[in-house]
Amino acid sequence: MLLSRKRCCAVVELPQVLCSIIVLVALLAPAIATAELQDLSEQELSEIDGAGIGVVLENFKFSHGTDAPDADGNQARIFKIGGLKSTDGRDVEIVVNHLYISGNGSNYGQNLSPVNLGRLVNPYRIDVVDGNTIGIRDRAVLEFAAPALMDAAQGYDCMSSGAAAGSGVCSSRPATADFVGERPDIGMQMNVAVGDDRSANINIHAKSAVIDGSYLRLWGDDDRQQMVGQFKLNFQSPELSINACSQDGLSCGSRITMTNFALELAIGNQLQPVFFDVDGTGNFVVEVAAIDRPAPGTIGADGLRGSSDTDTWDFYEDYYTNPDYRSNLHIGNFSVADRDFGSARVEGMLIQHLDIRTKDLAP
């Protein structure tokens, strides 16, 4: 069914429940009108510029793997990854004992509460984008995107729990005494069993996480006959922690804590998209091909624009200076238990070539 700007969908109010999902199949026009759906003329169809599907989760709370045991004493619901082998031939099983998404203040998943994900004015989006508008020529691009970043005059500081409007570029708002907020606590407790050894238990927790500005873009490449993409992850959290515990969770080792954690990860870009493939042995291949070398003589011996072919020089100047192609990592403070190691920073990392291939380790 097609909708025009003039004839939009009706507004429906849903009761607030534990997990209410509002899927907005709309054009996200500047103004929302309520009216009945009608057939469109050819002229009206030619003017459609739809903006895909927006997804907003209100009063959302998710917890997996902590249900009470069943009648036989087995865990009722649990997430397992099997079919793996260690180098010495033993079965490897990865069990996610607890996976949760909660409101702020969950105490590492112990006290779950609702949280909002996305806003009606800035939802999570699933869209088919005209590639010409994002630097991918003559391609329709499937895009999965988190809420977009905003102008600093209207947005919120991405890290502060007390951020007010006009303090930063994030759309997601922090929790207050009267508002559940749009920044979830996220965590996972995972056990890795190798044969009969189930001693490896890893816990990962992120408080008040924000992923605004993140996206995954996918399209097809005619020359290589492969799926191609771009991945941009903006992940920010006031605290990201990792520790290892016994299987019953009662005895835990020292917690690794990273405060004011900010990651801007860019894998693939307009000039170097990431290719996804499966090789002849059934293993996955993820590749970012190296940028082409300049043709001999196109870049002057002194490396300056005046002595080089200007188009070639401008191409490489844009490649090496464009901040959208680079990744950054900032950690306000890194600590292990009660020992602080100070701050850490990696800036301007450029992935010039990447080749990741899975391998079958069975003998």
Protein backbone atom coordinates (compact mmCIF):
# COMPACT_ATOMS: atom_id res chain seq x y z
CA MET A 1 0.00 0.00 0.00
CA LEU A 2 1.30 3.42 -0.91
CA LEU A 3 0.69 6.59 1.07
CA SER A 4 1.07 10.17 -0.02
CA ARG A 5 2.13 13.18 1.99
CA LYS A 6 -1.43 14.50 1.76
CA ARG A 7 -3.11 11.30 2.88
CA CYS A 8 -1.30 9.84 5.84
CA CYS A 9 -2.02 7.10 8.33
CA ALA A 10 -4.40 7.46 11.24
CA VAL A 11 -3.04 8.01 14.72
CA VAL A 12 -3.62 5.11 17.12
CA GLU A 13 -3.03 5.26 20.87
CA LEU A 14 -1.76 2.01 22.43
CA PRO A 15 -2.03 1.27 26.16
CA GLN A 16 1.30 1.24 27.96
CA VAL A 17 2.33 -2.33 28.65
CA LEU A 18 5.63 -3.93 29.53
CA CYS A 19 6.76 -4.07 25.93
CA SER A 20 4.71 -1.90 23.57
CA ILE A 21 5.91 -1.67 20.03
CA ILE A 22 4.91 1.21 17.82
CA VAL A 23 5.76 0.63 14.19
CA LEU A 24 5.28 3.77 12.18
CA VAL A 25 4.71 2.92 8.55
CA ALA A 26 4.62 6.55 7.53
CA LEU A 27 6.40 9.08 5.39
CA LEU A 28 7.61 11.12 8.36
CA ALA A 29 6.28 14.26 6.75
CA PRO A 30 6.81 17.64 8.45
CA ALA A 31 3.20 17.57 9.60
CA ILE A 32 1.07 14.48 10.31
CA ALA A 33 -2.50 14.60 9.08
CA THR A 34 -5.13 12.04 10.06
CA ALA A 35 -7.36 10.89 7.20
CA GLU A 36 -8.66 7.78 5.49
CA LEU A 37 -6.46 5.83 3.08
CA GLN A 38 -7.29 6.39 -0.60
CA ASP A 39 -5.98 5.31 -4.00
CA LEU A 40 -3.38 7.62 -5.52
CA SER A 41 -3.33 9.01 -9.00
CA GLU A 42 -0.32 8.57 -11.32
CA GLN A 43 0.69 12.17 -10.67
CA GLU A 44 0.50 11.66 -6.91
CA LEU A 45 2.50 8.45 -7.15
CA SER A 46 5.26 10.26 -9.00
CA GLU A 47 5.63 12.70 -6.09
CA ILE A 48 6.08 10.07 -3.36
CA ASP A 49 9.37 10.27 -1.47
CA GLY A 50 8.80 7.75 1.32
CA ALA A 51 11.20 7.50 4.24
CA GLY A 52 10.77 3.84 5.10
CA ILE A 53 9.67 2.36 8.41
CA GLY A 54 10.28 3.91 11.80
CA VAL A 55 10.38 1.75 14.95
CA VAL A 56 9.88 3.02 18.50
CA LEU A 57 9.77 0.79 21.60
CA GLU A 58 8.07 2.38 24.59
CA ASN A 59 8.27 1.03 28.15
CA PHE A 60 10.42 -1.78 26.79
CA LYS A 61 12.12 -4.37 28.99
CA PHE A 62 13.87 -7.52 27.78
CA SER A 63 15.39 -10.37 29.74
CA HIS A 64 16.38 -13.76 28.36
CA GLY A 65 17.80 -16.78 30.11
CA THR A 66 16.78 -16.14 33.70
CA ASP A 67 13.42 -17.91 33.73
CA ALA A 68 12.66 -20.44 36.45
CA PRO A 69 13.66 -24.06 35.77
CA ASP A 70 11.10 -26.40 34.26
CA ALA A 71 9.57 -29.47 35.92
CA ASP A 72 12.74 -31.50 35.32
CA GLY A 73 14.96 -28.87 36.85
CA ASN A 74 16.31 -27.70 33.49
CA GLN A 75 16.56 -24.06 32.49
CA ALA A 76 13.30 -23.21 30.77
CA ARG A 77 14.62 -20.84 28.12
CA ILE A 78 18.26 -20.40 27.23
CA PHE A 79 20.24 -19.25 24.21
CA LYS A 80 22.92 -21.67 22.99
CA ILE A 81 25.41 -21.71 20.12
CA GLY A 82 26.62 -25.22 19.33
CA GLY A 83 28.16 -27.21 16.52
CA LEU A 84 31.67 -25.91 17.26
CA LYS A 85 34.87 -27.87 17.87
CA SER A 86 38.05 -27.02 19.75
CA THR A 87 41.49 -27.63 18.24
CA ASP A 88 41.71 -30.92 20.13
CA GLY A 89 38.32 -32.12 18.86
CA ARG A 90 36.16 -31.40 21.92
CA ASP A 91 32.65 -30.00 21.52
CA VAL A 92 32.36 -26.27 22.20
CA GLU A 93 29.09 -24.79 23.40
CA ILE A 94 28.43 -21.10 24.06
CA VAL A 95 25.54 -20.52 26.44
CA VAL A 96 24.09 -17.04 27.00
CA ASN A 97 22.80 -17.36 30.57
CA HIS A 98 21.38 -13.85 30.71
CA LEU A 99 20.82 -11.20 28.05
CA TYR A 100 18.96 -8.06 29.08
CA ILE A 101 17.90 -4.60 27.96
CA SER A 102 16.62 -2.46 30.81
CA GLY A 103 16.12 1.04 32.05
CA ASN A 104 18.91 2.94 33.77
CA GLY A 105 19.97 1.77 37.23
CA SER A 106 19.57 -1.98 36.67
CA ASN A 107 22.57 -2.87 38.89
CA TYR A 108 24.16 -5.10 36.24
CA GLY A 109 20.85 -6.66 35.28
CA GLN A 110 19.61 -7.41 38.80
CA ASN A 111 16.84 -4.78 38.91
CA LEU A 112 15.16 -4.55 35.51
CA SER A 113 12.90 -1.63 34.61
CA PRO A 114 11.33 -0.22 31.42
CA VAL A 115 13.12 2.06 28.96
CA ASN A 116 12.15 3.79 25.72
CA LEU A 117 14.11 3.03 22.54
CA GLY A 118 13.86 5.78 19.95
CA ARG A 119 11.55 8.77 19.75
CA LEU A 120 8.59 9.43 17.49
CA VAL A 121 10.47 12.39 16.02
CA ASN A 122 13.70 10.35 15.66
CA PRO A 123 13.00 6.59 15.55
CA TYR A 124 15.04 3.58 14.60
CA ARG A 125 14.66 3.25 10.83
CA ILE A 126 14.52 0.58 8.15
CA ASP A 127 14.72 2.24 4.76
CA VAL A 128 15.70 1.87 1.13
CA VAL A 129 17.89 4.89 0.35
CA ASP A 130 18.86 6.40 -2.98
CA GLY A 131 22.59 5.68 -3.03
CA ASN A 132 23.31 8.84 -5.01
CA THR A 133 22.40 10.88 -1.91
CA ILE A 134 24.98 9.12 0.29
CA GLY A 135 27.88 8.73 -2.15
CA ILE A 136 27.01 5.26 -3.48
CA ARG A 137 26.32 5.86 -7.14
CA ASP A 138 23.36 4.32 -8.95
CA ARG A 139 22.44 1.88 -6.20
CA ALA A 140 19.41 1.33 -3.99
CA VAL A 141 20.77 0.86 -0.45
CA LEU A 142 19.03 -0.99 2.37
CA GLU A 143 19.69 0.90 5.59
CA PHE A 144 19.14 -0.07 9.23
CA ALA A 145 19.74 3.03 11.33
CA ALA A 146 19.60 4.11 14.96
CA PRO A 147 18.22 7.56 15.82
CA ALA A 148 20.15 10.18 13.90
CA LEU A 149 22.51 12.68 15.51
CA MET A 150 21.14 16.18 15.98
CA ASP A 151 22.40 19.71 15.85
CA ALA A 152 24.15 20.54 19.12
CA ALA A 153 21.69 23.38 19.71
CA GLN A 154 18.80 20.89 20.02
CA GLY A 155 20.50 17.62 21.04
CA TYR A 156 21.69 16.16 24.33
CA ASP A 157 25.14 15.35 25.66
CA CYS A 158 25.69 11.67 24.85
CA MET A 159 27.38 10.77 28.14
CA SER A 160 25.95 12.91 30.94
CA SER A 161 23.08 11.51 33.02
CA GLY A 162 21.85 15.04 33.60
CA ALA A 163 22.11 16.27 30.00
CA ALA A 164 19.67 19.02 28.99
CA ALA A 165 18.52 20.09 25.53
CA GLY A 166 21.23 22.01 23.70
CA SER A 167 24.11 20.22 25.42
CA GLY A 168 25.18 17.79 22.66
CA VAL A 169 24.42 15.94 19.45
CA CYS A 170 22.53 12.85 20.70
CA SER A 171 18.78 12.44 20.27
CA SER A 172 18.31 9.87 23.04
CA ARG A 173 17.46 11.56 26.33
CA PRO A 174 18.71 10.43 29.76
CA ALA A 175 16.40 9.16 32.49
CA THR A 176 15.01 11.54 35.10
CA ALA A 177 12.87 11.10 38.20
CA ASP A 178 9.73 11.35 36.04
CA PHE A 179 10.94 9.86 32.73
CA VAL A 180 12.34 6.39 31.97
CA GLY A 181 14.69 7.83 29.36
CA GLU A 182 15.94 6.43 26.06
CA ARG A 183 19.35 5.12 27.15
CA PRO A 184 19.21 1.43 28.11
CA ASP A 185 21.37 -0.66 30.38
CA ILE A 186 22.55 -3.62 28.27
CA GLY A 187 24.29 -6.74 29.47
CA MET A 188 25.15 -10.36 28.81
CA GLN A 189 26.35 -13.23 30.97
CA MET A 190 27.98 -15.93 28.84
CA ASN A 191 29.44 -19.36 29.55
CA VAL A 192 31.87 -21.05 27.14
CA ALA A 193 32.00 -24.82 27.63
CA VAL A 194 34.86 -26.81 26.06
CA GLY A 195 34.07 -30.48 26.54
CA ASP A 196 33.31 -30.95 30.24
CA ASP A 197 35.10 -27.74 31.23
CA ARG A 198 32.49 -25.02 31.92
CA SER A 199 34.77 -22.72 33.92
CA ALA A 200 34.86 -19.88 31.40
CA ASN A 201 32.13 -17.39 32.36
CA ILE A 202 32.24 -13.84 31.04
CA ASN A 203 29.96 -10.94 31.96
CA ILE A 204 29.67 -7.74 29.90
CA HIS A 205 27.57 -4.78 31.07
CA ALA A 206 27.01 -1.28 29.67
CA LYS A 207 25.17 1.41 31.60
CA SER A 208 22.96 4.04 29.97
CA ALA A 209 24.16 3.10 26.47
CA VAL A 210 23.68 5.34 23.43
CA ILE A 211 24.13 4.26 19.79
CA ASP A 212 22.73 7.36 18.05
CA GLY A 213 24.17 7.91 14.57
CA SER A 214 24.90 4.19 14.02
CA TYR A 215 23.83 2.42 10.84
CA LEU A 216 24.28 -0.64 8.64
CA ARG A 217 23.96 -0.15 4.87
CA LEU A 218 23.75 -3.06 2.42
CA TRP A 219 23.66 -3.25 -1.37
CA GLY A 220 24.80 -5.51 -4.22
CA ASP A 221 28.01 -5.30 -6.24
CA ASP A 222 27.66 -6.24 -9.92
CA ASP A 223 31.36 -6.84 -10.61
CA ARG A 224 32.04 -9.21 -7.71
CA GLN A 225 28.48 -10.57 -7.38
CA GLN A 226 28.61 -10.08 -3.63
CA MET A 227 26.74 -8.32 -0.88
CA VAL A 228 28.45 -5.05 0.02
CA GLY A 229 28.01 -2.77 2.99
CA GLN A 230 29.01 0.02 5.31
CA PHE A 231 28.92 -0.27 9.09
CA LYS A 232 29.09 2.71 11.44
CA LEU A 233 28.86 2.16 15.19
CA ASN A 234 28.69 5.04 17.62
CA PHE A 235 28.63 3.46 21.08
CA GLN A 236 28.82 5.57 24.23
CA SER A 237 28.36 4.57 27.84
CA PRO A 238 29.27 6.14 31.20
CA GLU A 239 30.45 2.68 32.26
CA LEU A 240 31.36 -0.46 30.33
CA SER A 241 32.54 -3.38 32.47
CA ILE A 242 33.80 -6.94 31.96
CA ASN A 243 34.42 -9.63 34.56
CA ALA A 244 34.56 -13.40 34.95
CA CYS A 245 32.53 -15.37 37.49
CA SER A 246 31.91 -18.93 38.57
CA GLN A 247 29.05 -20.71 36.82
CA ASP A 248 26.65 -20.03 39.71
CA GLY A 249 27.62 -16.35 39.66
CA LEU A 250 28.48 -16.29 43.36
CA SER A 251 32.26 -15.94 42.99
CA CYS A 252 33.60 -13.32 40.58
CA GLY A 253 37.04 -12.11 39.68
CA SER A 254 38.20 -8.52 39.44
CA ARG A 255 35.98 -6.29 37.34
CA ILE A 256 37.51 -4.43 34.40
CA THR A 257 35.76 -1.05 34.26
CA MET A 258 35.95 1.56 31.52
CA THR A 259 34.24 4.83 32.41
CA ASN A 260 33.10 7.44 29.88
CA PHE A 261 33.57 4.89 27.09
CA ALA A 262 33.08 6.30 23.56
CA LEU A 263 33.65 4.25 20.40
CA GLU A 264 33.22 5.55 16.85
CA LEU A 265 33.86 2.55 14.60
CA ALA A 266 33.74 2.87 10.80
CA ILE A 267 34.06 -0.32 8.73
CA GLY A 268 33.65 0.35 5.02
CA ASN A 269 33.02 3.65 3.26
CA GLN A 270 32.05 4.99 -0.17
CA LEU A 271 35.53 4.28 -1.54
CA GLN A 272 36.17 1.02 0.33
CA PRO A 273 32.94 -0.83 1.08
CA VAL A 274 33.05 -4.03 3.11
CA PHE A 275 32.36 -7.23 1.13
CA PHE A 276 30.51 -10.20 2.66
CA ASP A 277 31.00 -13.66 1.17
CA VAL A 278 31.13 -17.40 1.86
CA ASP A 279 34.11 -19.31 0.45
CA GLY A 280 34.16 -22.80 -1.04
CA THR A 281 34.59 -24.43 2.39
CA GLY A 282 31.50 -22.77 3.85
CA ASN A 283 33.41 -20.24 5.96
CA PHE A 284 32.50 -16.56 6.13
CA VAL A 285 34.68 -13.88 4.58
CA VAL A 286 34.57 -10.17 5.50
CA GLU A 287 36.85 -7.98 3.41
CA VAL A 288 37.67 -4.31 3.01
CA ALA A 289 39.76 -4.10 -0.16
CA ALA A 290 42.84 -1.86 -0.24
CA ILE A 291 42.47 1.52 -1.90
CA ASP A 292 43.90 1.64 -5.44
CA ARG A 293 47.39 3.06 -5.78
CA PRO A 294 47.75 6.28 -7.77
CA ALA A 295 48.88 5.79 -11.36
CA PRO A 296 52.59 6.50 -11.94
CA GLY A 297 53.26 10.20 -12.44
CA THR A 298 49.88 11.41 -11.12
CA ILE A 299 51.35 12.47 -7.76
CA GLY A 300 54.36 14.78 -7.90
CA ALA A 301 57.66 13.81 -6.31
CA ASP A 302 57.17 16.51 -3.65
CA GLY A 303 53.64 15.26 -2.88
CA LEU A 304 52.12 18.70 -3.41
CA ARG A 305 48.97 19.45 -5.35
CA GLY A 306 50.69 21.89 -7.68
CA SER A 307 52.98 19.22 -9.09
CA SER A 308 50.31 16.50 -9.26
CA ASP A 309 47.25 15.67 -11.30
CA THR A 310 44.69 17.73 -9.39
CA ASP A 311 41.82 15.22 -9.59
CA THR A 312 44.05 12.40 -8.33
CA TRP A 313 45.55 14.54 -5.59
CA ASP A 314 42.09 15.73 -4.44
CA PHE A 315 40.83 12.13 -4.39
CA TYR A 316 43.56 10.95 -2.01
CA GLU A 317 43.41 14.14 0.04
CA ASP A 318 39.72 13.49 0.68
CA TYR A 319 40.39 9.83 1.48
CA TYR A 320 43.06 10.56 4.07
CA THR A 321 41.39 13.57 5.70
CA ASN A 322 37.68 12.62 5.70
CA PRO A 323 36.72 12.04 9.39
CA ASP A 324 33.78 9.82 8.35
CA TYR A 325 36.27 7.15 7.22
CA ARG A 326 38.12 7.04 10.54
CA SER A 327 37.52 5.32 13.88
CA ASN A 328 38.07 6.70 17.38
CA LEU A 329 38.12 5.26 20.89
CA HIS A 330 38.08 7.31 24.09
CA ILE A 331 38.12 5.85 27.63
CA GLY A 332 37.87 8.33 30.46
CA ASN A 333 39.39 5.91 33.00
CA PHE A 334 40.48 2.28 32.76
CA SER A 335 40.59 0.28 35.99
CA VAL A 336 40.93 -3.30 37.19
CA ALA A 337 39.33 -3.76 40.62
CA ASP A 338 40.73 -0.89 42.72
CA ARG A 339 43.71 -0.15 40.46
CA ASP A 340 43.38 2.78 38.05
CA PHE A 341 45.36 2.95 34.82
CA GLY A 342 44.15 6.38 33.71
CA SER A 343 42.62 7.39 30.43
CA ALA A 344 43.18 5.92 26.98
CA ARG A 345 42.63 7.31 23.53
CA VAL A 346 42.95 6.07 19.95
CA GLU A 347 42.10 8.68 17.32
CA GLY A 348 41.98 8.78 13.55
CA MET A 349 42.35 5.05 12.91
CA LEU A 350 41.84 4.32 9.19
CA ILE A 351 41.09 0.78 8.05
CA GLN A 352 43.03 0.62 4.79
CA HIS A 353 42.70 -3.13 4.32
CA LEU A 354 40.80 -5.81 6.24
CA ASP A 355 40.42 -9.54 5.57
CA ILE A 356 38.60 -11.67 8.14
CA ARG A 357 37.99 -15.34 7.40
CA THR A 358 36.48 -17.94 9.69
CA LYS A 359 38.19 -21.33 9.86
CA ASP A 360 37.04 -24.82 10.74
CA LEU A 361 39.26 -25.88 13.64
CA ALA A 362 38.03 -29.46 13.80
CA PRO A 363 40.84 -31.99 13.12
